[in-house]
N, C-alpha and C. Protein backbone atom coordinates (compact mmCIF):
# COMPACT_ATOMS: atom_id res chain seq x y z
N UNK A 1 36.85 158.96 190.88
CA UNK A 1 37.14 159.98 189.94
C UNK A 1 38.78 160.13 190.09
N UNK A 2 39.35 160.17 189.01
CA UNK A 2 40.75 160.51 188.93
C UNK A 2 41.14 161.96 188.98
N UNK A 3 42.36 162.22 189.63
CA UNK A 3 42.71 163.57 189.71
C UNK A 3 42.62 164.40 188.24
N UNK A 4 41.93 165.48 188.32
CA UNK A 4 41.79 166.32 186.97
C UNK A 4 40.73 165.97 186.25
N UNK A 5 39.87 165.01 186.54
CA UNK A 5 38.72 164.69 185.77
C UNK A 5 37.66 165.92 185.91
N UNK A 6 36.97 166.23 184.94
CA UNK A 6 35.93 167.17 185.05
C UNK A 6 34.77 166.63 185.99
N UNK A 7 34.33 167.66 186.78
CA UNK A 7 33.16 167.26 187.65
C UNK A 7 32.25 168.54 187.69
N UNK A 8 31.10 168.27 188.08
CA UNK A 8 30.18 169.27 188.19
C UNK A 8 29.29 169.41 189.40
N UNK A 9 29.01 170.66 189.77
CA UNK A 9 28.23 170.85 190.96
C UNK A 9 26.87 171.28 190.69
N UNK A 10 25.74 170.97 191.39
CA UNK A 10 24.35 171.59 191.09
C UNK A 10 24.42 172.96 191.34
N UNK A 11 24.11 173.82 190.32
CA UNK A 11 24.38 175.19 190.59
C UNK A 11 22.95 175.92 191.00
N UNK A 12 21.93 175.54 190.17
CA UNK A 12 20.52 176.26 190.28
C UNK A 12 19.42 175.26 189.75
N UNK A 13 18.38 175.37 190.24
CA UNK A 13 17.17 174.62 189.72
C UNK A 13 15.95 175.73 189.56
N UNK A 14 15.11 175.35 188.48
CA UNK A 14 14.03 176.32 188.59
C UNK A 14 12.99 175.87 187.72
N UNK A 15 11.93 176.72 187.14
CA UNK A 15 10.97 176.29 186.04
C UNK A 15 10.58 177.51 185.47
N UNK A 16 9.91 177.33 184.42
CA UNK A 16 9.49 178.60 183.44
C UNK A 16 7.91 178.40 183.46
N UNK A 17 7.21 179.41 183.03
CA UNK A 17 5.91 179.47 182.63
C UNK A 17 5.93 179.78 181.08
N UNK A 18 5.54 179.01 180.45
CA UNK A 18 5.54 179.19 178.90
C UNK A 18 4.08 178.99 178.29
N UNK A 19 3.40 180.09 178.08
CA UNK A 19 2.13 179.97 177.42
C UNK A 19 2.12 179.34 176.12
N UNK A 20 3.10 179.79 175.16
CA UNK A 20 3.16 179.31 173.85
C UNK A 20 4.74 179.12 173.57
N UNK A 21 5.58 180.31 173.74
CA UNK A 21 7.02 180.29 173.45
C UNK A 21 7.63 181.18 174.42
N UNK A 22 8.90 180.86 174.73
CA UNK A 22 9.33 182.01 175.78
C UNK A 22 10.66 181.40 176.38
N UNK A 23 11.43 182.35 176.94
CA UNK A 23 12.92 181.92 177.40
C UNK A 23 12.72 180.79 178.46
N UNK A 24 13.68 179.95 178.21
CA UNK A 24 13.61 178.58 179.17
C UNK A 24 13.97 179.07 180.54
N UNK A 25 14.86 180.11 180.66
CA UNK A 25 15.23 180.42 182.12
C UNK A 25 14.64 181.80 182.61
N UNK A 26 13.74 182.39 181.89
CA UNK A 26 13.27 183.58 182.26
C UNK A 26 14.21 184.93 182.42
N UNK A 27 13.74 185.87 183.14
CA UNK A 27 14.54 186.92 183.33
C UNK A 27 15.31 186.82 184.55
N UNK A 28 16.81 186.78 184.32
CA UNK A 28 17.72 186.75 185.39
C UNK A 28 17.73 185.50 186.29
N UNK A 29 17.20 184.37 185.72
CA UNK A 29 17.05 183.04 186.60
C UNK A 29 18.33 182.38 186.17
N UNK A 30 18.88 181.62 187.09
CA UNK A 30 20.01 180.62 186.98
C UNK A 30 21.30 181.03 186.29
N UNK A 31 21.24 181.63 185.07
CA UNK A 31 22.49 181.98 184.44
C UNK A 31 23.19 183.17 184.79
N UNK A 32 22.33 184.21 185.24
CA UNK A 32 22.91 185.51 185.51
C UNK A 32 24.08 185.72 186.12
N UNK A 33 24.37 184.97 187.13
CA UNK A 33 25.36 185.22 188.02
C UNK A 33 26.61 184.44 187.40
N UNK A 34 26.63 183.68 186.21
CA UNK A 34 27.74 183.05 185.75
C UNK A 34 28.37 184.01 184.55
N UNK A 35 29.61 183.74 184.47
CA UNK A 35 30.47 184.22 183.06
C UNK A 35 29.92 183.59 181.89
N UNK A 36 29.81 184.34 180.85
CA UNK A 36 29.22 183.79 179.60
C UNK A 36 30.18 182.63 178.96
N UNK A 37 31.34 182.50 179.44
CA UNK A 37 32.31 181.68 178.85
C UNK A 37 32.27 180.28 179.77
N UNK A 38 31.76 180.38 180.92
CA UNK A 38 31.64 179.09 181.83
C UNK A 38 30.84 177.98 181.05
N UNK A 39 31.21 176.74 181.47
CA UNK A 39 30.47 175.52 180.89
C UNK A 39 29.57 174.90 181.74
N UNK A 40 28.21 174.73 181.37
CA UNK A 40 27.29 174.23 182.17
C UNK A 40 26.68 173.06 181.35
N UNK A 41 26.09 171.98 182.31
CA UNK A 41 25.20 170.92 181.75
C UNK A 41 23.76 171.40 182.26
N UNK A 42 22.75 171.02 181.34
CA UNK A 42 21.32 171.40 181.77
C UNK A 42 20.49 170.07 181.63
N UNK A 43 19.88 169.77 182.67
CA UNK A 43 18.99 168.77 182.74
C UNK A 43 17.50 169.32 182.60
N UNK A 44 16.76 168.65 181.69
CA UNK A 44 15.23 169.13 181.64
C UNK A 44 14.25 168.04 181.94
N UNK A 45 13.25 168.66 182.51
CA UNK A 45 12.14 167.93 182.83
C UNK A 45 10.81 168.41 182.46
N UNK A 46 9.77 167.73 182.48
CA UNK A 46 8.31 168.35 182.11
C UNK A 46 7.29 167.95 183.34
N UNK A 47 6.45 168.78 183.57
CA UNK A 47 5.25 168.38 184.50
C UNK A 47 4.08 168.90 183.71
N UNK A 48 2.98 168.28 183.88
CA UNK A 48 1.82 168.42 183.02
C UNK A 48 1.41 167.42 182.20
N UNK A 49 0.35 167.53 181.47
CA UNK A 49 -0.04 166.44 180.37
C UNK A 49 0.48 166.37 179.15
N UNK A 50 1.17 167.29 178.84
CA UNK A 50 1.84 167.43 177.48
C UNK A 50 3.25 167.53 177.46
N UNK A 51 3.83 167.95 176.27
CA UNK A 51 5.37 168.15 176.02
C UNK A 51 5.63 169.46 175.61
N UNK A 52 6.93 169.70 175.52
CA UNK A 52 7.40 170.95 175.00
C UNK A 52 8.82 170.84 174.21
N UNK A 53 9.25 171.80 173.43
CA UNK A 53 10.26 171.72 172.62
C UNK A 53 11.23 172.66 173.29
N UNK A 54 12.56 172.17 173.35
CA UNK A 54 13.73 173.31 173.73
C UNK A 54 14.67 173.42 172.44
N UNK A 55 14.77 174.69 172.24
CA UNK A 55 15.75 174.98 171.11
C UNK A 55 16.42 176.26 171.18
N UNK A 56 17.50 176.54 170.32
CA UNK A 56 18.00 178.05 170.27
C UNK A 56 16.66 178.77 169.66
N UNK A 57 16.85 180.13 170.04
CA UNK A 57 15.70 180.99 169.53
C UNK A 57 15.78 181.06 168.03
N UNK A 58 16.85 180.69 167.26
CA UNK A 58 16.75 180.82 165.82
C UNK A 58 16.11 179.66 165.05
N UNK A 59 15.68 178.61 165.77
CA UNK A 59 14.97 177.54 165.27
C UNK A 59 13.52 177.67 164.96
N UNK A 60 12.95 178.43 165.94
CA UNK A 60 11.61 178.59 165.67
C UNK A 60 10.66 177.61 166.50
N UNK A 61 9.45 177.65 166.14
CA UNK A 61 8.47 176.64 166.74
C UNK A 61 8.56 175.37 166.16
N UNK A 62 8.20 174.31 167.12
CA UNK A 62 8.06 172.85 166.60
C UNK A 62 9.42 172.46 166.14
N UNK A 63 10.50 172.87 166.80
CA UNK A 63 11.86 172.33 166.46
C UNK A 63 12.69 172.13 167.66
N UNK A 64 13.58 171.33 167.62
CA UNK A 64 14.49 171.11 168.86
C UNK A 64 14.33 169.85 169.67
N UNK A 65 14.53 169.75 170.76
CA UNK A 65 14.40 168.51 171.65
C UNK A 65 13.17 168.40 172.20
N UNK A 66 12.45 167.51 171.98
CA UNK A 66 11.04 167.42 172.62
C UNK A 66 11.29 166.68 173.98
N UNK A 67 10.56 167.39 175.03
CA UNK A 67 10.66 166.86 176.29
C UNK A 67 9.27 166.49 176.81
N UNK A 68 9.06 165.32 177.07
CA UNK A 68 7.73 164.82 177.60
C UNK A 68 7.60 164.73 178.93
N UNK A 69 6.42 165.02 179.66
CA UNK A 69 6.31 164.74 181.00
C UNK A 69 6.07 163.47 181.35
N UNK A 70 6.45 163.04 182.51
CA UNK A 70 6.46 161.71 183.08
C UNK A 70 7.56 160.81 182.61
N UNK A 71 8.61 161.34 182.07
CA UNK A 71 9.73 160.55 181.55
C UNK A 71 11.00 161.06 182.41
N UNK A 72 11.96 160.30 181.90
CA UNK A 72 13.27 160.68 182.54
C UNK A 72 13.82 161.97 182.07
N UNK A 73 14.62 162.46 182.94
CA UNK A 73 15.16 163.97 182.44
C UNK A 73 15.89 163.65 181.29
N UNK A 74 15.96 164.84 180.43
CA UNK A 74 16.81 164.92 179.14
C UNK A 74 18.13 165.88 179.67
N UNK A 75 19.15 165.34 179.35
CA UNK A 75 20.50 165.86 179.72
C UNK A 75 20.96 166.57 178.32
N UNK A 76 21.13 167.78 178.22
CA UNK A 76 21.70 168.48 177.13
C UNK A 76 23.36 168.42 177.19
N UNK A 77 24.08 168.34 176.09
CA UNK A 77 25.54 168.46 176.14
C UNK A 77 26.02 169.55 176.74
N UNK A 78 27.20 169.48 177.32
CA UNK A 78 27.89 170.65 177.82
C UNK A 78 27.80 171.82 176.82
N UNK A 79 27.61 172.93 177.38
CA UNK A 79 27.51 174.30 176.61
C UNK A 79 28.01 175.45 177.36
N UNK A 80 28.40 176.46 176.74
CA UNK A 80 28.78 177.62 177.34
C UNK A 80 27.51 178.45 177.75
N UNK A 81 27.62 179.16 178.73
CA UNK A 81 26.41 179.96 179.18
C UNK A 81 25.85 180.86 178.20
N UNK A 82 26.72 181.38 177.26
CA UNK A 82 26.22 182.37 176.28
C UNK A 82 25.26 181.56 175.29
N UNK A 83 25.49 180.29 175.06
CA UNK A 83 24.67 179.52 174.28
C UNK A 83 23.48 178.97 175.06
N UNK A 84 23.61 178.64 176.26
CA UNK A 84 22.38 178.18 177.12
C UNK A 84 21.33 179.39 177.44
N UNK A 85 22.01 180.71 177.35
CA UNK A 85 21.04 181.59 177.73
C UNK A 85 19.88 182.10 176.57
N UNK A 86 20.19 181.54 175.31
CA UNK A 86 19.26 181.85 174.30
C UNK A 86 18.31 180.61 174.07
N UNK A 87 18.32 179.65 174.92
CA UNK A 87 17.29 178.60 174.74
C UNK A 87 15.98 179.09 175.14
N UNK A 88 14.90 178.54 174.22
CA UNK A 88 13.63 178.88 174.48
C UNK A 88 12.78 177.63 174.41
N UNK A 89 11.65 177.71 175.00
CA UNK A 89 10.69 176.60 175.19
C UNK A 89 9.43 176.91 174.32
N UNK A 90 9.02 175.95 173.50
CA UNK A 90 7.69 176.04 172.87
C UNK A 90 6.86 175.04 173.23
N UNK A 91 5.75 175.36 173.64
CA UNK A 91 4.63 174.27 173.87
C UNK A 91 4.35 173.42 172.44
N UNK A 92 3.91 172.16 172.73
CA UNK A 92 3.65 171.45 171.49
C UNK A 92 2.47 171.82 170.92
N UNK A 93 1.44 171.97 171.69
CA UNK A 93 0.05 172.23 170.96
C UNK A 93 -0.35 173.40 171.68
N UNK A 94 -1.65 173.97 171.13
CA UNK A 94 -2.14 175.34 171.67
C UNK A 94 -2.87 175.17 173.10
N UNK A 95 -3.23 173.82 173.44
CA UNK A 95 -4.02 173.60 174.68
C UNK A 95 -2.86 172.92 175.65
N UNK A 96 -1.58 173.05 175.28
CA UNK A 96 -0.55 172.25 176.27
C UNK A 96 -0.33 172.94 177.59
N UNK A 97 -0.14 172.04 178.52
CA UNK A 97 -0.05 172.59 179.79
C UNK A 97 1.33 172.16 180.28
N UNK A 98 2.35 171.76 179.55
CA UNK A 98 3.56 171.20 180.15
C UNK A 98 4.43 172.46 180.57
N UNK A 99 4.93 172.24 181.71
CA UNK A 99 5.86 173.44 182.25
C UNK A 99 7.27 172.81 182.40
N UNK A 100 8.11 173.61 181.81
CA UNK A 100 9.57 173.07 181.76
C UNK A 100 10.14 173.38 183.21
N UNK A 101 10.85 172.27 183.67
CA UNK A 101 11.59 172.25 184.95
C UNK A 101 13.11 172.14 184.51
N UNK A 102 14.02 172.68 185.15
CA UNK A 102 15.50 172.67 184.78
C UNK A 102 16.48 172.55 185.95
N UNK A 103 17.58 172.08 185.73
CA UNK A 103 18.65 171.97 186.66
C UNK A 103 19.83 172.44 185.95
N UNK A 104 20.72 173.30 186.38
CA UNK A 104 21.94 173.63 185.82
C UNK A 104 23.19 173.15 186.68
N UNK A 105 24.03 172.52 186.01
CA UNK A 105 25.24 171.83 186.79
C UNK A 105 26.46 172.69 186.00
N UNK A 106 27.19 173.23 187.03
CA UNK A 106 28.22 174.14 186.67
C UNK A 106 29.45 173.18 186.71
N UNK A 107 30.41 173.37 185.76
CA UNK A 107 31.57 172.68 185.67
C UNK A 107 32.60 173.20 186.65
N UNK A 108 33.28 172.41 187.38
CA UNK A 108 34.44 172.88 188.21
C UNK A 108 35.73 172.70 187.56
N UNK A 109 36.42 173.58 187.71
CA UNK A 109 37.73 173.80 186.70
C UNK A 109 38.66 172.79 187.37
């Protein structure tokens, strides 16, 4: 890595319990100690037999990035904490049991 290159440190990991639709990070998890203008990368995983969608709350159900269980992690593009904090997870079907797992990587200045 050359001097001045952007690098990231693992900041926080966690999971969410989503019955049908809800906040990806829950209440005060992961992002609460960061400034809203900080830049993060987020990796998403799924456990369980099904899949879930992750999207901003404005998109609604069955939209966004679909994350399947048993596959490689999905890495979202870099975003500010203010945008990451409104991500929600939607289960794919009514009997879905996929649980979102996530890792937050904080950019070092």
